[in-house]
């Protein structure tokens, strides 16, 4: 498959309806990403472990949101 065909499939999948459970997971993922970003951007000095955990939380939230957005109810895609 060409890159254009693959990109069109991904875009169509992202635009397709998302099941309710995955909408909730997407919202949780966005919240985790926001909390992680807030920890990373804190204007005060935080211990290294806290900033490390903040980075992991931000990445996990982003991945969770992206995976939940690409889940569809249509099995043919």
PDB file of N, CA and C in Angstrom:
ATOM      1  N   UNK A   1       0.833  -1.180   0.000  1.00  0.00           N
ATOM      2  CA  UNK A   1       0.000   0.000   0.000  1.00  0.00           C
ATOM      3  C   UNK A   1       0.877   1.242   0.000  1.00  0.00           C
ATOM      4  N   UNK A   2       0.389   2.264  -0.625  1.00  0.00           N
ATOM      5  CA  UNK A   2       1.140   3.509  -0.649  1.00  0.00           C
ATOM      6  C   UNK A   2       0.888   4.302   0.632  1.00  0.00           C
ATOM      7  N   UNK A   3       1.713   5.284   0.854  1.00  0.00           N
ATOM      8  CA  UNK A   3       1.574   6.111   2.049  1.00  0.00           C
ATOM      9  C   UNK A   3       0.249   6.864   2.050  1.00  0.00           C
ATOM     10  N   UNK A   4      -0.192   7.316   0.877  1.00  0.00           N
ATOM     11  CA  UNK A   4      -1.441   8.071   0.800  1.00  0.00           C
ATOM     12  C   UNK A   4      -2.631   7.212   1.199  1.00  0.00           C
ATOM     13  N   UNK A   5      -2.647   5.961   0.775  1.00  0.00           N
ATOM     14  CA  UNK A   5      -3.753   5.068   1.108  1.00  0.00           C
ATOM     15  C   UNK A   5      -3.775   4.808   2.610  1.00  0.00           C
ATOM     16  N   UNK A   6      -2.614   4.584   3.186  1.00  0.00           N
ATOM     17  CA  UNK A   6      -2.532   4.335   4.619  1.00  0.00           C
ATOM     18  C   UNK A   6      -2.981   5.565   5.405  1.00  0.00           C
ATOM     19  N   UNK A   7      -2.531   6.743   4.994  1.00  0.00           N
ATOM     20  CA  UNK A   7      -2.926   7.976   5.692  1.00  0.00           C
ATOM     21  C   UNK A   7      -4.429   8.221   5.584  1.00  0.00           C
ATOM     22  N   UNK A   8      -5.016   7.938   4.429  1.00  0.00           N
ATOM     23  CA  UNK A   8      -6.461   8.104   4.266  1.00  0.00           C
ATOM     24  C   UNK A   8      -7.223   7.161   5.181  1.00  0.00           C
ATOM     25  N   UNK A   9      -6.727   5.924   5.323  1.00  0.00           N
ATOM     26  CA  UNK A   9      -7.381   4.972   6.220  1.00  0.00           C
ATOM     27  C   UNK A   9      -7.300   5.446   7.668  1.00  0.00           C
ATOM     28  N   UNK A  10      -6.154   5.964   8.066  1.00  0.00           N
ATOM     29  CA  UNK A  10      -6.000   6.454   9.438  1.00  0.00           C
ATOM     30  C   UNK A  10      -6.911   7.651   9.687  1.00  0.00           C
ATOM     31  N   UNK A  11      -6.975   8.562   8.735  1.00  0.00           N
ATOM     32  CA  UNK A  11      -7.831   9.744   8.892  1.00  0.00           C
ATOM     33  C   UNK A  11      -9.299   9.339   8.952  1.00  0.00           C
ATOM     34  N   UNK A  12      -9.710   8.432   8.080  1.00  0.00           N
ATOM     35  CA  UNK A  12     -11.103   7.962   8.110  1.00  0.00           C
ATOM     36  C   UNK A  12     -11.417   7.264   9.421  1.00  0.00           C
ATOM     37  N   UNK A  13     -10.472   6.508   9.927  1.00  0.00           N
ATOM     38  CA  UNK A  13     -10.676   5.811  11.190  1.00  0.00           C
ATOM     39  C   UNK A  13     -10.792   6.809  12.346  1.00  0.00           C
ATOM     40  N   UNK A  14      -9.999   7.872  12.316  1.00  0.00           N
ATOM     41  CA  UNK A  14     -10.061   8.878  13.372  1.00  0.00           C
ATOM     42  C   UNK A  14     -11.378   9.654  13.333  1.00  0.00           C
ATOM     43  N   UNK A  15     -11.954   9.791  12.147  1.00  0.00           N
ATOM     44  CA  UNK A  15     -13.216  10.520  12.010  1.00  0.00           C
ATOM     45  C   UNK A  15     -14.436   9.653  12.302  1.00  0.00           C
ATOM     46  N   UNK A  16     -14.267   8.339  12.344  1.00  0.00           N
ATOM     47  CA  UNK A  16     -15.382   7.417  12.566  1.00  0.00           C
ATOM     48  C   UNK A  16     -15.895   7.528  14.005  1.00  0.00           C
ATOM     49  N   UNK A  17     -17.135   7.116  14.239  1.00  0.00           N
ATOM     50  CA  UNK A  17     -17.686   7.169  15.606  1.00  0.00           C
ATOM     51  C   UNK A  17     -16.878   6.300  16.574  1.00  0.00           C
ATOM     52  N   UNK A  18     -16.730   6.794  17.792  1.00  0.00           N
ATOM     53  CA  UNK A  18     -15.979   6.100  18.832  1.00  0.00           C
ATOM     54  C   UNK A  18     -16.958   5.539  19.861  1.00  0.00           C
ATOM     55  N   UNK A  19     -16.791   4.285  20.291  1.00  0.00           N
ATOM     56  CA  UNK A  19     -17.671   3.727  21.331  1.00  0.00           C
ATOM     57  C   UNK A  19     -17.566   4.529  22.632  1.00  0.00           C
ATOM     58  N   UNK A  20     -18.633   4.466  23.435  1.00  0.00           N
ATOM     59  CA  UNK A  20     -18.705   5.270  24.655  1.00  0.00           C
ATOM     60  C   UNK A  20     -17.553   4.969  25.619  1.00  0.00           C
ATOM     61  N   UNK A  21     -17.233   3.692  25.816  1.00  0.00           N
ATOM     62  CA  UNK A  21     -16.152   3.324  26.731  1.00  0.00           C
ATOM     63  C   UNK A  21     -14.843   3.985  26.330  1.00  0.00           C
ATOM     64  N   UNK A  22     -14.558   4.022  25.033  1.00  0.00           N
ATOM     65  CA  UNK A  22     -13.303   4.606  24.579  1.00  0.00           C
ATOM     66  C   UNK A  22     -13.337   6.128  24.615  1.00  0.00           C
ATOM     67  N   UNK A  23     -14.526   6.713  24.571  1.00  0.00           N
ATOM     68  CA  UNK A  23     -14.630   8.164  24.775  1.00  0.00           C
ATOM     69  C   UNK A  23     -14.226   8.514  26.205  1.00  0.00           C
ATOM     70  N   UNK A  24     -14.661   7.668  27.149  1.00  0.00           N
ATOM     71  CA  UNK A  24     -14.290   7.886  28.552  1.00  0.00           C
ATOM     72  C   UNK A  24     -12.779   7.710  28.716  1.00  0.00           C
ATOM     73  N   UNK A  25     -12.226   6.664  28.110  1.00  0.00           N
ATOM     74  CA  UNK A  25     -10.776   6.455  28.183  1.00  0.00           C
ATOM     75  C   UNK A  25     -10.009   7.613  27.550  1.00  0.00           C
ATOM     76  N   UNK A  26     -10.534   8.149  26.455  1.00  0.00           N
ATOM     77  CA  UNK A  26      -9.884   9.286  25.802  1.00  0.00           C
ATOM     78  C   UNK A  26      -9.844  10.488  26.743  1.00  0.00           C
ATOM     79  N   UNK A  27     -10.954  10.715  27.445  1.00  0.00           N
ATOM     80  CA  UNK A  27     -11.020  11.836  28.383  1.00  0.00           C
ATOM     81  C   UNK A  27     -10.043  11.630  29.545  1.00  0.00           C
ATOM     82  N   UNK A  28      -9.972  10.404  30.043  1.00  0.00           N
ATOM     83  CA  UNK A  28      -9.023  10.098  31.119  1.00  0.00           C
ATOM     84  C   UNK A  28      -7.593  10.306  30.620  1.00  0.00           C
ATOM     85  N   UNK A  29      -7.317   9.880  29.403  1.00  0.00           N
ATOM     86  CA  UNK A  29      -5.989  10.069  28.828  1.00  0.00           C
ATOM     87  C   UNK A  29      -5.624  11.537  28.692  1.00  0.00           C
ATOM     88  N   UNK A  30      -6.580  12.338  28.262  1.00  0.00           N
ATOM     89  CA  UNK A  30      -6.321  13.782  28.145  1.00  0.00           C
ATOM     90  C   UNK A  30      -6.052  14.399  29.512  1.00  0.00           C
ATOM     91  N   UNK A  31      -6.792  13.945  30.520  1.00  0.00           N
ATOM     92  CA  UNK A  31      -6.570  14.459  31.870  1.00  0.00           C
ATOM     93  C   UNK A  31      -5.180  14.055  32.378  1.00  0.00           C
ATOM     94  N   UNK A  32      -4.789  12.809  32.134  1.00  0.00           N
ATOM     95  CA  UNK A  32      -3.453  12.368  32.545  1.00  0.00           C
ATOM     96  C   UNK A  32      -2.365  13.170  31.840  1.00  0.00           C
ATOM     97  N   UNK A  33      -2.549  13.409  30.555  1.00  0.00           N
ATOM     98  CA  UNK A  33      -1.570  14.198  29.810  1.00  0.00           C
ATOM     99  C   UNK A  33      -1.481  15.622  30.373  1.00  0.00           C
ATOM    100  N   UNK A  34      -2.617  16.187  30.743  1.00  0.00           N
ATOM    101  CA  UNK A  34      -2.618  17.534  31.311  1.00  0.00           C
ATOM    102  C   UNK A  34      -1.909  17.567  32.664  1.00  0.00           C
ATOM    103  N   UNK A  35      -2.178  16.570  33.493  1.00  0.00           N
ATOM    104  CA  UNK A  35      -1.520  16.516  34.806  1.00  0.00           C
ATOM    105  C   UNK A  35      -0.010  16.334  34.636  1.00  0.00           C
ATOM    106  N   UNK A  36       0.378  15.439  33.742  1.00  0.00           N
ATOM    107  CA  UNK A  36       1.802  15.235  33.496  1.00  0.00           C
ATOM    108  C   UNK A  36       2.474  16.485  32.966  1.00  0.00           C
ATOM    109  N   UNK A  37       1.803  17.171  32.055  1.00  0.00           N
ATOM    110  CA  UNK A  37       2.351  18.421  31.513  1.00  0.00           C
ATOM    111  C   UNK A  37       2.468  19.493  32.572  1.00  0.00           C
ATOM    112  N   UNK A  38       1.490  19.544  33.461  1.00  0.00           N
ATOM    113  CA  UNK A  38       1.529  20.526  34.542  1.00  0.00           C
ATOM    114  C   UNK A  38       2.695  20.253  35.487  1.00  0.00           C
ATOM    115  N   UNK A  39       2.905  18.981  35.787  1.00  0.00           N
ATOM    116  CA  UNK A  39       4.036  18.626  36.663  1.00  0.00           C
ATOM    117  C   UNK A  39       5.356  19.003  35.999  1.00  0.00           C
ATOM    118  N   UNK A  40       5.459  18.721  34.707  1.00  0.00           N
ATOM    119  CA  UNK A  40       6.708  19.035  34.000  1.00  0.00           C
ATOM    120  C   UNK A  40       6.958  20.537  33.893  1.00  0.00           C
ATOM    121  N   UNK A  41       5.889  21.312  33.795  1.00  0.00           N
ATOM    122  CA  UNK A  41       6.029  22.756  33.613  1.00  0.00           C
ATOM    123  C   UNK A  41       5.920  23.535  34.924  1.00  0.00           C
ATOM    124  N   UNK A  42       5.969  22.849  36.036  1.00  0.00           N
ATOM    125  CA  UNK A  42       5.830  23.509  37.335  1.00  0.00           C
ATOM    126  C   UNK A  42       6.931  24.566  37.512  1.00  0.00           C
ATOM    127  N   UNK A  43       6.543  25.747  37.984  1.00  0.00           N
ATOM    128  CA  UNK A  43       7.532  26.835  38.128  1.00  0.00           C
ATOM    129  C   UNK A  43       8.446  26.671  39.338  1.00  0.00           C
ATOM    130  N   UNK A  44       8.219  25.630  40.135  1.00  0.00           N
ATOM    131  CA  UNK A  44       9.076  25.403  41.299  1.00  0.00           C
ATOM    132  C   UNK A  44       9.944  24.175  41.052  1.00  0.00           C
ATOM    133  N   UNK A  45      11.016  24.083  41.787  1.00  0.00           N
ATOM    134  CA  UNK A  45      11.907  22.933  41.657  1.00  0.00           C
ATOM    135  C   UNK A  45      11.278  21.729  42.347  1.00  0.00           C
ATOM    136  N   UNK A  46      11.112  20.663  41.594  1.00  0.00           N
ATOM    137  CA  UNK A  46      10.541  19.433  42.136  1.00  0.00           C
ATOM    138  C   UNK A  46      11.622  18.356  42.139  1.00  0.00           C
ATOM    139  N   UNK A  47      11.493  17.378  43.026  1.00  0.00           N
ATOM    140  CA  UNK A  47      12.470  16.280  43.020  1.00  0.00           C
ATOM    141  C   UNK A  47      12.495  15.566  41.665  1.00  0.00           C
ATOM    142  N   UNK A  48      13.615  14.989  41.342  1.00  0.00           N
ATOM    143  CA  UNK A  48      13.791  14.340  40.044  1.00  0.00           C
ATOM    144  C   UNK A  48      12.781  13.226  39.825  1.00  0.00           C
ATOM    145  N   UNK A  49      12.450  12.485  40.860  1.00  0.00           N
ATOM    146  CA  UNK A  49      11.501  11.374  40.711  1.00  0.00           C
ATOM    147  C   UNK A  49      10.117  11.897  40.324  1.00  0.00           C
ATOM    148  N   UNK A  50       9.741  13.049  40.857  1.00  0.00           N
ATOM    149  CA  UNK A  50       8.427  13.618  40.546  1.00  0.00           C
ATOM    150  C   UNK A  50       8.373  14.052  39.079  1.00  0.00           C
ATOM    151  N   UNK A  51       9.423  14.681  38.600  1.00  0.00           N
ATOM    152  CA  UNK A  51       9.421  15.098  37.194  1.00  0.00           C
ATOM    153  C   UNK A  51       9.507  13.894  36.262  1.00  0.00           C
ATOM    154  N   UNK A  52      10.206  12.854  36.677  1.00  0.00           N
ATOM    155  CA  UNK A  52      10.263  11.633  35.870  1.00  0.00           C
ATOM    156  C   UNK A  52       8.880  10.998  35.772  1.00  0.00           C
ATOM    157  N   UNK A  53       8.202  10.895  36.901  1.00  0.00           N
ATOM    158  CA  UNK A  53       6.846  10.340  36.906  1.00  0.00           C
ATOM    159  C   UNK A  53       5.919  11.223  36.084  1.00  0.00           C
ATOM    160  N   UNK A  54       6.069  12.528  36.173  1.00  0.00           N
ATOM    161  CA  UNK A  54       5.259  13.447  35.372  1.00  0.00           C
ATOM    162  C   UNK A  54       5.430  13.213  33.879  1.00  0.00           C
ATOM    163  N   UNK A  55       6.655  12.948  33.470  1.00  0.00           N
ATOM    164  CA  UNK A  55       6.912  12.650  32.058  1.00  0.00           C
ATOM    165  C   UNK A  55       6.240  11.368  31.621  1.00  0.00           C
ATOM    166  N   UNK A  56       6.337  10.344  32.455  1.00  0.00           N
ATOM    167  CA  UNK A  56       5.696   9.072  32.132  1.00  0.00           C
ATOM    168  C   UNK A  56       4.176   9.209  32.080  1.00  0.00           C
ATOM    169  N   UNK A  57       3.614   9.966  33.001  1.00  0.00           N
ATOM    170  CA  UNK A  57       2.159  10.171  33.025  1.00  0.00           C
ATOM    171  C   UNK A  57       1.712  10.920  31.770  1.00  0.00           C
ATOM    172  N   UNK A  58       2.473  11.919  31.365  1.00  0.00           N
ATOM    173  CA  UNK A  58       2.121  12.674  30.162  1.00  0.00           C
ATOM    174  C   UNK A  58       2.158  11.784  28.916  1.00  0.00           C
ATOM    175  N   UNK A  59       3.180  10.969  28.799  1.00  0.00           N
ATOM    176  CA  UNK A  59       3.287  10.067  27.642  1.00  0.00           C
ATOM    177  C   UNK A  59       2.169   9.030  27.665  1.00  0.00           C
ATOM    178  N   UNK A  60       1.915   8.443  28.831  1.00  0.00           N
ATOM    179  CA  UNK A  60       0.847   7.445  28.937  1.00  0.00           C
ATOM    180  C   UNK A  60      -0.508   8.051  28.586  1.00  0.00           C
ATOM    181  N   UNK A  61      -0.757   9.268  29.036  1.00  0.00           N
ATOM    182  CA  UNK A  61      -2.018   9.936  28.705  1.00  0.00           C
ATOM    183  C   UNK A  61      -2.156  10.201  27.221  1.00  0.00           C
ATOM    184  N   UNK A  62      -1.073  10.608  26.592  1.00  0.00           N
ATOM    185  CA  UNK A  62      -1.109  10.853  25.150  1.00  0.00           C
ATOM    186  C   UNK A  62      -1.360   9.587  24.354  1.00  0.00           C
ATOM    187  N   UNK A  63      -0.698   8.511  24.739  1.00  0.00           N
ATOM    188  CA  UNK A  63      -0.885   7.230  24.044  1.00  0.00           C
ATOM    189  C   UNK A  63      -2.302   6.718  24.258  1.00  0.00           C
ATOM    190  N   UNK A  64      -2.800   6.812  25.469  1.00  0.00           N
ATOM    191  CA  UNK A  64      -4.161   6.362  25.772  1.00  0.00           C
ATOM    192  C   UNK A  64      -5.183   7.146  24.968  1.00  0.00           C
ATOM    193  N   UNK A  65      -5.010   8.439  24.870  1.00  0.00           N
ATOM    194  CA  UNK A  65      -5.938   9.274  24.099  1.00  0.00           C
ATOM    195  C   UNK A  65      -5.884   8.944  22.614  1.00  0.00           C
ATOM    196  N   UNK A  66      -4.698   8.772  22.085  1.00  0.00           N
ATOM    197  CA  UNK A  66      -4.557   8.468  20.657  1.00  0.00           C
ATOM    198  C   UNK A  66      -5.145   7.101  20.325  1.00  0.00           C
ATOM    199  N   UNK A  67      -4.849   6.109  21.142  1.00  0.00           N
ATOM    200  CA  UNK A  67      -5.380   4.765  20.878  1.00  0.00           C
ATOM    201  C   UNK A  67      -6.898   4.742  21.012  1.00  0.00           C
ATOM    202  N   UNK A  68      -7.430   5.475  21.967  1.00  0.00           N
ATOM    203  CA  UNK A  68      -8.882   5.505  22.149  1.00  0.00           C
ATOM    204  C   UNK A  68      -9.567   6.228  21.001  1.00  0.00           C
ATOM    205  N   UNK A  69      -8.939   7.236  20.454  1.00  0.00           N
ATOM    206  CA  UNK A  69      -9.536   7.979  19.347  1.00  0.00           C
ATOM    207  C   UNK A  69      -9.617   7.121  18.091  1.00  0.00           C
ATOM    208  N   UNK A  70      -8.674   6.242  17.896  1.00  0.00           N
ATOM    209  CA  UNK A  70      -8.642   5.433  16.667  1.00  0.00           C
ATOM    210  C   UNK A  70      -9.473   4.150  16.781  1.00  0.00           C
ATOM    211  N   UNK A  71     -10.134   3.925  17.907  1.00  0.00           N
ATOM    212  CA  UNK A  71     -11.002   2.761  18.048  1.00  0.00           C
ATOM    213  C   UNK A  71     -12.374   3.088  17.476  1.00  0.00           C
ATOM    214  N   UNK A  72     -12.885   2.193  16.633  1.00  0.00           N
ATOM    215  CA  UNK A  72     -14.177   2.439  15.993  1.00  0.00           C
ATOM    216  C   UNK A  72     -15.135   1.299  16.273  1.00  0.00           C
ATOM    217  N   UNK A  73     -16.402   1.521  15.972  1.00  0.00           N
ATOM    218  CA  UNK A  73     -17.416   0.480  16.100  1.00  0.00           C
ATOM    219  C   UNK A  73     -17.529  -0.349  14.834  1.00  0.00           C
ATOM    220  N   UNK A  74     -16.960   0.139  13.745  1.00  0.00           N
ATOM    221  CA  UNK A  74     -17.032  -0.542  12.456  1.00  0.00           C
ATOM    222  C   UNK A  74     -15.864  -1.518  12.325  1.00  0.00           C
ATOM    223  N   UNK A  75     -16.167  -2.813  12.251  1.00  0.00           N
ATOM    224  CA  UNK A  75     -15.108  -3.825  12.178  1.00  0.00           C
ATOM    225  C   UNK A  75     -14.457  -3.935  10.813  1.00  0.00           C
ATOM    226  N   UNK A  76     -15.048  -3.358   9.782  1.00  0.00           N
ATOM    227  CA  UNK A  76     -14.492  -3.503   8.441  1.00  0.00           C
ATOM    228  C   UNK A  76     -13.267  -2.638   8.217  1.00  0.00           C
ATOM    229  N   UNK A  77     -12.994  -1.695   9.105  1.00  0.00           N
ATOM    230  CA  UNK A  77     -11.831  -0.824   8.946  1.00  0.00           C
ATOM    231  C   UNK A  77     -10.691  -1.457   9.651  1.00  0.00           C
TER     232      UNK A  77
END
